[in-house]
Amino acid sequence: MDLQLVFNGIAIGSILALAAIGLTLTYGILRLSNFAHGDFMTLGAYLTWLANINGVNIWLAMILGAAGTIIGMLIAELLLWKPMRDRRANSTTLIIISIGLALFLRSAILFIWGGSVRLV
């Protein structure tokens, strides 16, 4: 068996496990299915890639990508989620907002970086 395939499987499985844990925590705490969760993960990947191609070490680029994603999530919290929770929006409204945020992030990522494959 090729050892590289084992490492690739562990890496991809770890990414999927991290996404599943984040979705589980969001739903368990807030009772909200956040459809923008994957788009925020994509944003973090592109920010990491952007830092790395500009000469930043990959480990530091990952930290910068995570920090950029956290900043983006905090902005979404302040502009979208907190005002809606203060207005006691129902779960249907929050799900629609979540879908809208996902579409906004996806379109912004496509607009900024395009749809071509990026290699690290």
N, C-alpha and C. Protein backbone atom coordinates (compact mmCIF):
# COMPACT_ATOMS: atom_id res chain seq x y z
N MET A 1 0.86 -1.19 0.00
CA MET A 1 0.00 0.00 0.00
C MET A 1 0.89 1.24 0.00
N ASP A 2 0.49 2.21 -0.77
CA ASP A 2 1.25 3.44 -0.88
C ASP A 2 1.06 4.28 0.38
N LEU A 3 2.16 4.63 1.03
CA LEU A 3 2.10 5.39 2.28
C LEU A 3 1.51 6.78 2.07
N GLN A 4 1.73 7.35 0.89
CA GLN A 4 1.18 8.67 0.60
C GLN A 4 -0.34 8.65 0.63
N LEU A 5 -0.95 7.57 0.14
CA LEU A 5 -2.41 7.45 0.17
C LEU A 5 -2.94 7.43 1.60
N VAL A 6 -2.21 6.80 2.49
CA VAL A 6 -2.61 6.75 3.90
C VAL A 6 -2.58 8.15 4.50
N PHE A 7 -1.50 8.89 4.23
CA PHE A 7 -1.40 10.25 4.76
C PHE A 7 -2.46 11.17 4.16
N ASN A 8 -2.73 11.03 2.86
CA ASN A 8 -3.79 11.83 2.23
C ASN A 8 -5.15 11.51 2.84
N GLY A 9 -5.41 10.23 3.09
CA GLY A 9 -6.68 9.85 3.70
C GLY A 9 -6.83 10.40 5.10
N ILE A 10 -5.76 10.38 5.87
CA ILE A 10 -5.80 10.94 7.22
C ILE A 10 -6.02 12.45 7.17
N ALA A 11 -5.36 13.13 6.24
CA ALA A 11 -5.52 14.59 6.13
C ALA A 11 -6.95 14.96 5.74
N ILE A 12 -7.48 14.29 4.72
CA ILE A 12 -8.84 14.61 4.27
C ILE A 12 -9.86 14.22 5.34
N GLY A 13 -9.65 13.09 5.98
CA GLY A 13 -10.55 12.67 7.05
C GLY A 13 -10.53 13.64 8.22
N SER A 14 -9.37 14.20 8.53
CA SER A 14 -9.26 15.18 9.61
C SER A 14 -10.02 16.46 9.27
N ILE A 15 -9.94 16.89 8.02
CA ILE A 15 -10.67 18.09 7.59
C ILE A 15 -12.18 17.85 7.70
N LEU A 16 -12.63 16.69 7.25
CA LEU A 16 -14.06 16.38 7.34
C LEU A 16 -14.52 16.26 8.79
N ALA A 17 -13.68 15.67 9.64
CA ALA A 17 -14.02 15.55 11.06
C ALA A 17 -14.12 16.92 11.71
N LEU A 18 -13.20 17.82 11.36
CA LEU A 18 -13.24 19.17 11.91
C LEU A 18 -14.51 19.89 11.49
N ALA A 19 -14.91 19.73 10.23
CA ALA A 19 -16.15 20.35 9.75
C ALA A 19 -17.35 19.77 10.48
N ALA A 20 -17.37 18.46 10.68
CA ALA A 20 -18.49 17.82 11.36
C ALA A 20 -18.58 18.27 12.82
N ILE A 21 -17.44 18.41 13.47
CA ILE A 21 -17.45 18.87 14.87
C ILE A 21 -17.97 20.30 14.96
N GLY A 22 -17.55 21.16 14.02
CA GLY A 22 -18.02 22.54 14.02
C GLY A 22 -19.52 22.63 13.80
N LEU A 23 -20.03 21.85 12.85
CA LEU A 23 -21.48 21.85 12.61
C LEU A 23 -22.24 21.31 13.81
N THR A 24 -21.72 20.26 14.42
CA THR A 24 -22.37 19.68 15.59
C THR A 24 -22.41 20.66 16.75
N LEU A 25 -21.30 21.36 16.99
CA LEU A 25 -21.27 22.36 18.06
C LEU A 25 -22.24 23.50 17.78
N THR A 26 -22.27 23.98 16.55
CA THR A 26 -23.18 25.08 16.21
C THR A 26 -24.63 24.68 16.41
N TYR A 27 -24.97 23.49 15.93
CA TYR A 27 -26.36 23.06 16.09
C TYR A 27 -26.68 22.74 17.55
N GLY A 28 -25.75 22.13 18.26
CA GLY A 28 -25.99 21.76 19.64
C GLY A 28 -26.15 22.95 20.57
N ILE A 29 -25.39 24.01 20.31
CA ILE A 29 -25.44 25.18 21.19
C ILE A 29 -26.53 26.16 20.76
N LEU A 30 -26.58 26.48 19.47
CA LEU A 30 -27.49 27.51 18.99
C LEU A 30 -28.79 26.98 18.39
N ARG A 31 -28.85 25.67 18.16
CA ARG A 31 -29.99 25.06 17.47
C ARG A 31 -30.19 25.70 16.10
N LEU A 32 -29.07 25.92 15.41
CA LEU A 32 -29.07 26.54 14.10
C LEU A 32 -28.25 25.70 13.14
N SER A 33 -28.83 25.32 12.02
CA SER A 33 -28.08 24.65 10.96
C SER A 33 -27.43 25.73 10.12
N ASN A 34 -26.15 25.94 10.32
CA ASN A 34 -25.44 27.01 9.63
C ASN A 34 -24.96 26.50 8.27
N PHE A 35 -25.67 26.88 7.23
CA PHE A 35 -25.31 26.43 5.89
C PHE A 35 -24.07 27.14 5.36
N ALA A 36 -23.61 28.17 6.02
CA ALA A 36 -22.41 28.90 5.60
C ALA A 36 -21.14 28.32 6.19
N HIS A 37 -21.25 27.27 6.96
CA HIS A 37 -20.09 26.70 7.65
C HIS A 37 -19.01 26.26 6.65
N GLY A 38 -19.40 25.54 5.62
CA GLY A 38 -18.45 25.08 4.62
C GLY A 38 -17.83 26.22 3.83
N ASP A 39 -18.60 27.27 3.61
CA ASP A 39 -18.07 28.43 2.89
C ASP A 39 -17.04 29.18 3.73
N PHE A 40 -17.23 29.20 5.03
CA PHE A 40 -16.21 29.79 5.90
C PHE A 40 -14.94 28.94 5.89
N MET A 41 -15.09 27.63 5.81
CA MET A 41 -13.91 26.76 5.70
C MET A 41 -13.18 27.03 4.38
N THR A 42 -13.92 27.23 3.31
CA THR A 42 -13.32 27.56 2.03
C THR A 42 -12.61 28.90 2.08
N LEU A 43 -13.21 29.87 2.75
CA LEU A 43 -12.57 31.17 2.92
C LEU A 43 -11.23 31.01 3.64
N GLY A 44 -11.20 30.21 4.70
CA GLY A 44 -9.96 29.97 5.42
C GLY A 44 -8.90 29.31 4.55
N ALA A 45 -9.32 28.37 3.69
CA ALA A 45 -8.38 27.71 2.79
C ALA A 45 -7.79 28.71 1.79
N TYR A 46 -8.63 29.57 1.24
CA TYR A 46 -8.13 30.56 0.29
C TYR A 46 -7.24 31.60 0.97
N LEU A 47 -7.57 32.00 2.18
CA LEU A 47 -6.70 32.95 2.89
C LEU A 47 -5.35 32.32 3.20
N THR A 48 -5.35 31.04 3.56
CA THR A 48 -4.10 30.32 3.79
C THR A 48 -3.29 30.25 2.51
N TRP A 49 -3.95 29.91 1.42
CA TRP A 49 -3.27 29.83 0.12
C TRP A 49 -2.68 31.18 -0.27
N LEU A 50 -3.46 32.24 -0.07
CA LEU A 50 -3.01 33.58 -0.43
C LEU A 50 -1.77 33.98 0.36
N ALA A 51 -1.77 33.69 1.65
CA ALA A 51 -0.59 34.00 2.47
C ALA A 51 0.61 33.17 2.03
N ASN A 52 0.38 31.90 1.70
CA ASN A 52 1.47 31.01 1.34
C ASN A 52 2.11 31.39 0.01
N ILE A 53 1.32 31.78 -0.98
CA ILE A 53 1.93 32.15 -2.27
C ILE A 53 2.63 33.50 -2.20
N ASN A 54 2.38 34.27 -1.15
CA ASN A 54 3.09 35.53 -0.96
C ASN A 54 4.31 35.39 -0.08
N GLY A 55 4.79 34.15 0.09
CA GLY A 55 6.06 33.92 0.76
C GLY A 55 5.99 33.59 2.24
N VAL A 56 4.80 33.46 2.79
CA VAL A 56 4.67 33.13 4.22
C VAL A 56 4.80 31.62 4.39
N ASN A 57 5.52 31.21 5.42
CA ASN A 57 5.66 29.80 5.75
C ASN A 57 4.28 29.16 5.88
N ILE A 58 4.12 27.90 5.44
CA ILE A 58 2.80 27.26 5.42
C ILE A 58 2.16 27.20 6.81
N TRP A 59 2.97 26.99 7.84
CA TRP A 59 2.40 26.89 9.20
C TRP A 59 1.89 28.24 9.66
N LEU A 60 2.64 29.29 9.39
CA LEU A 60 2.17 30.63 9.73
C LEU A 60 1.00 31.03 8.84
N ALA A 61 1.01 30.58 7.58
CA ALA A 61 -0.10 30.87 6.68
C ALA A 61 -1.39 30.23 7.19
N MET A 62 -1.28 29.03 7.76
CA MET A 62 -2.48 28.39 8.31
C MET A 62 -3.03 29.18 9.50
N ILE A 63 -2.14 29.70 10.32
CA ILE A 63 -2.58 30.51 11.45
C ILE A 63 -3.24 31.80 10.95
N LEU A 64 -2.64 32.42 9.95
CA LEU A 64 -3.22 33.64 9.38
C LEU A 64 -4.57 33.36 8.73
N GLY A 65 -4.68 32.23 8.03
CA GLY A 65 -5.96 31.85 7.41
C GLY A 65 -7.03 31.63 8.45
N ALA A 66 -6.65 30.96 9.55
CA ALA A 66 -7.62 30.73 10.63
C ALA A 66 -8.03 32.06 11.27
N ALA A 67 -7.06 32.95 11.47
CA ALA A 67 -7.37 34.25 12.07
C ALA A 67 -8.29 35.07 11.16
N GLY A 68 -8.03 35.03 9.86
CA GLY A 68 -8.89 35.73 8.92
C GLY A 68 -10.31 35.18 8.91
N THR A 69 -10.42 33.85 9.02
CA THR A 69 -11.74 33.23 9.06
C THR A 69 -12.47 33.61 10.34
N ILE A 70 -11.76 33.64 11.45
CA ILE A 70 -12.37 34.04 12.72
C ILE A 70 -12.87 35.47 12.63
N ILE A 71 -12.09 36.35 12.02
CA ILE A 71 -12.52 37.74 11.86
C ILE A 71 -13.78 37.81 11.00
N GLY A 72 -13.81 37.03 9.91
CA GLY A 72 -15.00 36.99 9.07
C GLY A 72 -16.22 36.49 9.81
N MET A 73 -16.03 35.48 10.63
CA MET A 73 -17.16 34.94 11.42
C MET A 73 -17.62 35.94 12.47
N LEU A 74 -16.69 36.65 13.08
CA LEU A 74 -17.09 37.66 14.06
C LEU A 74 -17.85 38.81 13.41
N ILE A 75 -17.45 39.18 12.19
CA ILE A 75 -18.18 40.22 11.47
C ILE A 75 -19.60 39.74 11.17
N ALA A 76 -19.73 38.48 10.74
CA ALA A 76 -21.07 37.93 10.48
C ALA A 76 -21.89 37.88 11.76
N GLU A 77 -21.24 37.56 12.86
CA GLU A 77 -21.95 37.53 14.15
C GLU A 77 -22.48 38.91 14.51
N LEU A 78 -21.63 39.93 14.36
CA LEU A 78 -22.05 41.28 14.75
C LEU A 78 -23.08 41.88 13.80
N LEU A 79 -22.96 41.59 12.50
CA LEU A 79 -23.86 42.22 11.53
C LEU A 79 -25.14 41.43 11.28
N LEU A 80 -25.09 40.10 11.43
CA LEU A 80 -26.25 39.28 11.10
C LEU A 80 -26.88 38.59 12.30
N TRP A 81 -26.10 37.76 12.96
CA TRP A 81 -26.69 36.85 13.95
C TRP A 81 -27.13 37.56 15.22
N LYS A 82 -26.31 38.45 15.76
CA LYS A 82 -26.69 39.13 17.00
C LYS A 82 -27.95 39.98 16.83
N PRO A 83 -28.05 40.81 15.77
CA PRO A 83 -29.29 41.57 15.60
C PRO A 83 -30.53 40.68 15.43
N MET A 84 -30.38 39.56 14.77
CA MET A 84 -31.53 38.66 14.58
C MET A 84 -31.91 37.97 15.89
N ARG A 85 -30.92 37.59 16.69
CA ARG A 85 -31.25 37.00 17.99
C ARG A 85 -31.87 38.03 18.91
N ASP A 86 -31.41 39.29 18.83
CA ASP A 86 -32.00 40.36 19.65
C ASP A 86 -33.46 40.60 19.27
N ARG A 87 -33.79 40.40 18.00
CA ARG A 87 -35.17 40.55 17.53
C ARG A 87 -35.98 39.28 17.72
N ARG A 88 -35.36 38.26 18.29
CA ARG A 88 -36.01 36.96 18.54
C ARG A 88 -36.58 36.37 17.25
N ALA A 89 -35.73 36.34 16.21
CA ALA A 89 -36.15 35.76 14.93
C ALA A 89 -36.38 34.26 15.09
N ASN A 90 -37.35 33.75 14.35
CA ASN A 90 -37.63 32.32 14.47
C ASN A 90 -36.61 31.51 13.67
N SER A 91 -36.65 30.20 13.82
CA SER A 91 -35.63 29.34 13.23
C SER A 91 -35.67 29.37 11.71
N THR A 92 -36.84 29.53 11.13
CA THR A 92 -36.94 29.60 9.67
C THR A 92 -36.21 30.83 9.13
N THR A 93 -36.36 31.95 9.79
CA THR A 93 -35.67 33.17 9.38
C THR A 93 -34.16 32.99 9.50
N LEU A 94 -33.70 32.37 10.57
CA LEU A 94 -32.27 32.16 10.76
C LEU A 94 -31.69 31.21 9.70
N ILE A 95 -32.46 30.20 9.31
CA ILE A 95 -31.99 29.29 8.27
C ILE A 95 -31.89 30.01 6.93
N ILE A 96 -32.87 30.86 6.62
CA ILE A 96 -32.83 31.62 5.37
C ILE A 96 -31.64 32.57 5.37
N ILE A 97 -31.36 33.20 6.49
CA ILE A 97 -30.19 34.08 6.60
C ILE A 97 -28.91 33.27 6.41
N SER A 98 -28.88 32.08 6.97
CA SER A 98 -27.71 31.22 6.84
C SER A 98 -27.47 30.84 5.37
N ILE A 99 -28.53 30.52 4.64
CA ILE A 99 -28.40 30.19 3.22
C ILE A 99 -27.94 31.42 2.44
N GLY A 100 -28.48 32.59 2.76
CA GLY A 100 -28.07 33.82 2.11
C GLY A 100 -26.60 34.14 2.36
N LEU A 101 -26.15 33.94 3.59
CA LEU A 101 -24.74 34.18 3.92
C LEU A 101 -23.85 33.21 3.15
N ALA A 102 -24.28 31.95 3.04
CA ALA A 102 -23.50 30.96 2.28
C ALA A 102 -23.39 31.38 0.82
N LEU A 103 -24.49 31.82 0.23
CA LEU A 103 -24.46 32.26 -1.17
C LEU A 103 -23.59 33.51 -1.34
N PHE A 104 -23.65 34.42 -0.38
CA PHE A 104 -22.83 35.63 -0.44
C PHE A 104 -21.35 35.28 -0.38
N LEU A 105 -20.97 34.42 0.58
CA LEU A 105 -19.56 34.04 0.70
C LEU A 105 -19.07 33.30 -0.53
N ARG A 106 -19.88 32.38 -1.03
CA ARG A 106 -19.50 31.60 -2.21
C ARG A 106 -19.30 32.52 -3.42
N SER A 107 -20.20 33.46 -3.61
CA SER A 107 -20.08 34.39 -4.73
C SER A 107 -18.87 35.30 -4.57
N ALA A 108 -18.60 35.75 -3.34
CA ALA A 108 -17.44 36.61 -3.10
C ALA A 108 -16.15 35.85 -3.37
N ILE A 109 -16.08 34.59 -2.95
CA ILE A 109 -14.89 33.78 -3.20
C ILE A 109 -14.69 33.58 -4.70
N LEU A 110 -15.76 33.28 -5.42
CA LEU A 110 -15.66 33.12 -6.87
C LEU A 110 -15.28 34.43 -7.55
N PHE A 111 -15.79 35.53 -7.07
CA PHE A 111 -15.49 36.83 -7.65
C PHE A 111 -14.02 37.20 -7.44
N ILE A 112 -13.51 36.94 -6.23
CA ILE A 112 -12.14 37.34 -5.89
C ILE A 112 -11.12 36.38 -6.49
N TRP A 113 -11.31 35.07 -6.30
CA TRP A 113 -10.30 34.10 -6.69
C TRP A 113 -10.65 33.30 -7.94
N GLY A 114 -11.84 33.43 -8.44
CA GLY A 114 -12.22 32.66 -9.62
C GLY A 114 -12.56 31.23 -9.29
N GLY A 115 -12.87 30.45 -10.32
CA GLY A 115 -13.30 29.08 -10.10
C GLY A 115 -12.26 28.03 -10.46
N SER A 116 -11.04 28.44 -10.78
CA SER A 116 -10.02 27.47 -11.16
C SER A 116 -9.40 26.81 -9.93
N VAL A 117 -8.80 25.66 -10.15
CA VAL A 117 -8.19 24.88 -9.07
C VAL A 117 -6.88 25.55 -8.66
N ARG A 118 -6.63 25.64 -7.37
CA ARG A 118 -5.39 26.21 -6.83
C ARG A 118 -4.57 25.10 -6.20
N LEU A 119 -3.29 25.11 -6.42
CA LEU A 119 -2.39 24.10 -5.85
C LEU A 119 -1.50 24.73 -4.81
N VAL A 120 -1.20 23.96 -3.76
CA VAL A 120 -0.28 24.42 -2.71
C VAL A 120 1.01 23.65 -2.87
